[in-house]
């Protein structure tokens, strides 16, 4: 598993390891937001493009998707 020390076997209070791990990735939160906005609106608005472009920039993709270049169905694919 990524970002988890497999050698950590500290257990206490009957809850298992006390080592923290990533529960939800920021990119997943942004994608969920963009998908919900895309479904709620008739056409994707600026917030959808901002969320998608934020993910692309964090991944090292420097070219942004221009606002208004996608339709609702193209964003869903």
Protein backbone atom coordinates (compact mmCIF):
# COMPACT_ATOMS: atom_id res chain seq x y z
CA UNK A 1 0.00 0.00 0.00
CA UNK A 2 1.22 3.44 -0.91
CA UNK A 3 2.17 5.91 1.85
CA UNK A 4 1.76 3.31 4.60
CA UNK A 5 4.64 1.72 6.51
CA UNK A 6 3.88 -2.01 6.29
CA UNK A 7 6.36 -2.67 9.11
CA UNK A 8 4.36 -0.61 11.61
CA UNK A 9 2.79 -3.12 13.94
CA UNK A 10 1.98 -0.82 16.85
CA UNK A 11 -1.44 -1.66 18.18
CA UNK A 12 -3.19 0.01 21.06
CA UNK A 13 -6.64 0.30 22.58
CA UNK A 14 -7.94 -2.49 20.35
CA UNK A 15 -8.08 -0.20 17.32
CA UNK A 16 -5.07 -1.51 15.40
CA UNK A 17 -2.18 0.59 14.19
CA UNK A 18 -1.96 4.24 15.19
CA UNK A 19 -0.20 5.15 11.94
CA UNK A 20 -2.20 7.69 9.91
CA UNK A 21 -2.79 7.08 6.21
CA UNK A 22 -4.47 8.87 3.34
CA UNK A 23 -8.21 8.21 3.39
CA UNK A 24 -9.29 10.43 0.51
CA UNK A 25 -7.12 12.03 -2.15
CA UNK A 26 -7.55 15.73 -2.96
CA UNK A 27 -7.80 14.87 -6.67
CA UNK A 28 -10.75 12.60 -5.93
CA UNK A 29 -12.52 15.40 -4.05
CA UNK A 30 -11.99 17.75 -7.01
CA UNK A 31 -13.21 15.13 -9.51
CA UNK A 32 -16.30 14.41 -7.41
CA UNK A 33 -17.04 18.14 -7.24
CA UNK A 34 -16.59 18.60 -11.01
CA UNK A 35 -18.80 15.61 -11.75
CA UNK A 36 -21.55 16.80 -9.40
CA UNK A 37 -21.46 20.31 -10.88
CA UNK A 38 -21.54 18.91 -14.39
CA UNK A 39 -24.62 16.82 -13.57
CA UNK A 40 -26.41 19.65 -11.75
CA UNK A 41 -25.94 22.30 -14.46
CA UNK A 42 -27.07 22.33 -18.08
CA UNK A 43 -23.51 23.12 -19.20
CA UNK A 44 -20.23 23.02 -17.27
CA UNK A 45 -19.39 26.34 -15.63
CA UNK A 46 -16.08 27.88 -14.59
CA UNK A 47 -15.93 25.83 -11.38
CA UNK A 48 -15.86 22.57 -13.38
CA UNK A 49 -12.96 23.77 -15.53
CA UNK A 50 -11.12 25.14 -12.49
CA UNK A 51 -11.37 21.79 -10.68
CA UNK A 52 -10.25 19.79 -13.72
CA UNK A 53 -7.41 22.17 -14.54
CA UNK A 54 -6.24 22.12 -10.92
CA UNK A 55 -5.89 18.34 -11.13
CA UNK A 56 -4.10 18.59 -14.46
CA UNK A 57 -1.66 21.21 -13.11
CA UNK A 58 -0.92 19.15 -10.00
CA UNK A 59 -0.11 16.21 -12.30
CA UNK A 60 2.35 18.35 -14.27
CA UNK A 61 0.13 18.98 -17.29
CA UNK A 62 0.67 22.65 -18.07
CA UNK A 63 -1.99 23.09 -20.76
CA UNK A 64 -5.39 24.02 -19.36
CA UNK A 65 -8.72 23.08 -20.87
CA UNK A 66 -10.26 26.38 -22.01
CA UNK A 67 -13.59 27.29 -20.46
CA UNK A 68 -16.51 26.61 -22.78
CA UNK A 69 -14.62 24.09 -24.90
CA UNK A 70 -16.52 21.05 -23.61
CA UNK A 71 -20.20 20.15 -23.53
CA UNK A 72 -21.95 18.43 -20.63
CA UNK A 73 -21.69 15.03 -22.36
CA UNK A 74 -17.98 15.48 -23.19
CA UNK A 75 -17.23 16.31 -19.53
CA UNK A 76 -19.04 13.15 -18.44
CA UNK A 77 -16.77 10.91 -20.51
